[in-house]
């Protein structure tokens, strides 16, 4: 008997709403939503980049698609001396997520909540995170990625602590030739 039939007999379908079925195969990318379209933009960033911050520092950044195309890893090398940070982008169904492994020794998890400018601007907002005993513990809280063209991306990050969000910086990335 199918899972949905068993749950319907038990009355759980009424409690929990429509039941997903297994075995439907991968989503159809021809009917991709904004999360999938944005993920493809992140996959197109593969390679080496140079970042310049509004705070005056410069850094080398790399993007690499990994795990059979299911995730993109961004590695930042020079923003903090002798430290490396990593940001992972992945899809959870049609939802685009990022987890940022920060020099603040925490791992905020954000999800894409808005897509503007025909998908060229993606805003991620805080969901939860590792090593964050409370929401008020300092962490990266929002990130906006603006895809200017195939060789230029701008990111803007905000910090949240003690009930307040504050702008951190904007970083303009240029693809290295």
Protein backbone atom coordinates (compact mmCIF):
# COMPACT_ATOMS: atom_id res chain seq x y z
CA UNK A 1 0.00 0.00 0.00
CA UNK A 2 1.30 3.47 -0.89
CA UNK A 3 2.51 5.71 1.92
CA UNK A 4 -0.14 8.35 1.17
CA UNK A 5 -2.90 5.69 1.29
CA UNK A 6 -1.71 4.42 4.68
CA UNK A 7 -1.59 7.96 6.07
CA UNK A 8 -5.04 8.71 4.65
CA UNK A 9 -6.46 5.62 6.35
CA UNK A 10 -4.88 6.71 9.61
CA UNK A 11 -6.29 10.19 9.11
CA UNK A 12 -2.85 11.77 9.10
CA UNK A 13 -3.31 13.28 5.65
CA UNK A 14 -5.95 15.57 7.11
CA UNK A 15 -3.65 16.62 9.95
CA UNK A 16 -0.53 17.18 7.89
CA UNK A 17 -1.91 18.20 4.50
CA UNK A 18 -0.82 16.76 1.16
CA UNK A 19 1.70 13.97 1.46
CA UNK A 20 4.78 13.99 -0.76
CA UNK A 21 5.41 10.79 -2.68
CA UNK A 22 8.75 9.21 -3.36
CA UNK A 23 10.17 8.26 -6.71
CA UNK A 24 9.16 11.30 -8.70
CA UNK A 25 12.72 11.75 -9.93
CA UNK A 26 14.74 14.97 -10.10
CA UNK A 27 12.94 18.26 -10.62
CA UNK A 28 12.47 19.49 -14.18
CA UNK A 29 15.03 22.24 -14.67
CA UNK A 30 13.03 23.61 -17.61
CA UNK A 31 10.41 24.73 -15.10
CA UNK A 32 12.96 25.82 -12.52
CA UNK A 33 11.96 28.39 -9.97
CA UNK A 34 14.03 31.37 -8.84
CA UNK A 35 16.05 29.33 -6.31
CA UNK A 36 17.22 26.90 -8.98
CA UNK A 37 17.93 29.70 -11.43
CA UNK A 38 20.01 31.54 -8.81
CA UNK A 39 21.87 28.34 -7.96
CA UNK A 40 22.87 28.05 -11.62
CA UNK A 41 24.28 31.59 -11.39
CA UNK A 42 26.41 30.48 -8.42
CA UNK A 43 27.57 27.41 -10.34
CA UNK A 44 28.70 29.71 -13.18
CA UNK A 45 31.13 31.46 -10.81
CA UNK A 46 33.63 28.55 -10.87
CA UNK A 47 37.14 29.96 -10.86
CA UNK A 48 39.35 32.53 -9.19
CA UNK A 49 38.23 36.04 -8.27
CA UNK A 50 39.70 39.18 -6.72
CA UNK A 51 37.61 40.94 -4.09
CA UNK A 52 37.80 44.58 -3.02
CA UNK A 53 35.98 45.64 0.12
CA UNK A 54 34.45 49.00 0.94
CA UNK A 55 36.56 48.70 4.12
CA UNK A 56 39.74 48.94 2.06
CA UNK A 57 41.09 45.40 2.00
CA UNK A 58 41.55 43.08 -0.97
CA UNK A 59 41.28 39.30 -1.08
CA UNK A 60 41.50 36.30 -3.33
CA UNK A 61 38.32 34.23 -3.60
CA UNK A 62 37.61 30.95 -5.30
CA UNK A 63 34.33 29.34 -6.29
CA UNK A 64 34.14 25.63 -7.03
CA UNK A 65 31.18 23.42 -7.84
CA UNK A 66 31.43 20.15 -5.87
CA UNK A 67 29.51 16.97 -5.01
CA UNK A 68 28.31 16.13 -8.53
CA UNK A 69 27.10 19.70 -9.05
CA UNK A 70 24.95 19.78 -5.90
CA UNK A 71 26.91 22.44 -4.00
CA UNK A 72 29.15 25.44 -4.61
CA UNK A 73 31.94 26.27 -2.19
CA UNK A 74 33.27 29.82 -1.93
CA UNK A 75 36.61 30.16 -0.19
CA UNK A 76 37.88 33.56 1.01
CA UNK A 77 41.57 33.74 1.81
CA UNK A 78 42.81 37.23 2.69
CA UNK A 79 40.03 39.19 4.37
CA UNK A 80 41.29 38.17 7.82
CA UNK A 81 45.05 37.58 8.17
CA UNK A 82 45.94 33.90 8.61
CA UNK A 83 42.28 32.89 8.43
CA UNK A 84 40.16 31.30 5.73
CA UNK A 85 36.38 31.46 5.56
CA UNK A 86 34.09 29.23 3.52
CA UNK A 87 30.54 29.73 2.31
CA UNK A 88 28.57 26.79 0.92
CA UNK A 89 25.60 27.23 -1.43
CA UNK A 90 23.15 24.38 -2.04
CA UNK A 91 19.59 23.63 -2.97
CA UNK A 92 17.14 22.05 -0.55
CA UNK A 93 14.42 21.15 -3.01
CA UNK A 94 13.82 24.47 -4.74
CA UNK A 95 15.11 26.55 -1.81
CA UNK A 96 18.59 28.05 -2.13
CA UNK A 97 20.57 27.91 1.13
CA UNK A 98 23.96 29.12 2.24
CA UNK A 99 26.01 28.26 5.29
CA UNK A 100 28.87 30.61 6.16
CA UNK A 101 31.82 29.20 8.14
CA UNK A 102 32.97 32.40 9.80
CA UNK A 103 36.07 33.61 11.67
CA UNK A 104 33.58 34.49 14.43
CA UNK A 105 33.65 30.70 15.07
CA UNK A 106 30.01 30.18 14.15
CA UNK A 107 28.16 28.88 11.13
CA UNK A 108 25.09 30.96 10.25
CA UNK A 109 22.62 29.27 7.91
CA UNK A 110 20.72 31.62 5.60
CA UNK A 111 18.14 31.00 2.90
CA UNK A 112 17.35 32.97 -0.23
CA UNK A 113 14.23 34.98 0.51
CA UNK A 114 14.03 37.36 -2.44
CA UNK A 115 15.08 37.47 -6.06
CA UNK A 116 15.08 40.86 -7.77
CA UNK A 117 16.29 42.41 -11.02
CA UNK A 118 15.26 39.34 -13.03
CA UNK A 119 17.22 37.07 -10.69
CA UNK A 120 20.40 39.14 -10.77
CA UNK A 121 20.03 40.12 -7.10
CA UNK A 122 19.53 37.42 -4.47
CA UNK A 123 18.95 38.23 -0.79
CA UNK A 124 19.68 35.61 1.89
CA UNK A 125 18.31 35.98 5.42
CA UNK A 126 19.16 34.20 8.66
CA UNK A 127 17.44 30.92 9.55
CA UNK A 128 19.63 29.38 12.29
CA UNK A 129 23.23 28.38 12.83
CA UNK A 130 25.87 26.36 14.61
CA UNK A 131 27.77 27.70 17.63
CA UNK A 132 25.07 30.32 18.17
CA UNK A 133 23.72 29.82 21.69
CA UNK A 134 21.18 32.59 21.07
CA UNK A 135 20.00 34.80 18.21
CA UNK A 136 21.76 37.73 19.91
CA UNK A 137 25.21 36.13 19.60
CA UNK A 138 27.11 38.06 16.91
CA UNK A 139 26.82 36.50 13.44
CA UNK A 140 26.47 37.27 9.75
CA UNK A 141 22.74 37.74 9.34
CA UNK A 142 22.01 38.81 5.79
CA UNK A 143 23.83 38.63 2.48
CA UNK A 144 22.88 40.19 -0.84
CA UNK A 145 24.56 38.95 -4.02
CA UNK A 146 24.24 41.06 -7.16
CA UNK A 147 25.35 39.43 -10.42
CA UNK A 148 26.43 42.36 -12.57
CA UNK A 149 27.75 40.29 -15.49
CA UNK A 150 29.74 37.08 -15.97
CA UNK A 151 32.91 38.71 -14.57
CA UNK A 152 31.57 40.91 -11.74
CA UNK A 153 29.59 40.10 -8.60
CA UNK A 154 28.94 42.34 -5.60
CA UNK A 155 28.15 40.98 -2.15
CA UNK A 156 26.86 42.96 0.80
CA UNK A 157 26.88 41.43 4.28
CA UNK A 158 25.24 42.49 7.53
CA UNK A 159 26.03 41.55 11.12
CA UNK A 160 23.46 40.88 13.86
CA UNK A 161 24.18 41.14 17.57
CA UNK A 162 22.22 42.05 20.71
CA UNK A 163 19.00 42.66 18.80
CA UNK A 164 20.51 44.94 16.16
CA UNK A 165 21.48 44.47 12.55
CA UNK A 166 24.33 46.58 11.21
CA UNK A 167 25.85 46.84 7.76
CA UNK A 168 29.27 45.19 7.58
CA UNK A 169 30.66 45.84 4.13
CA UNK A 170 30.27 45.45 0.43
CA UNK A 171 32.73 43.38 -1.57
CA UNK A 172 33.08 43.66 -5.36
CA UNK A 173 34.43 40.52 -6.96
CA UNK A 174 36.13 40.54 -10.36
CA UNK A 175 36.91 37.29 -12.17
CA UNK A 176 40.63 36.72 -12.67
CA UNK A 177 41.62 36.11 -16.29
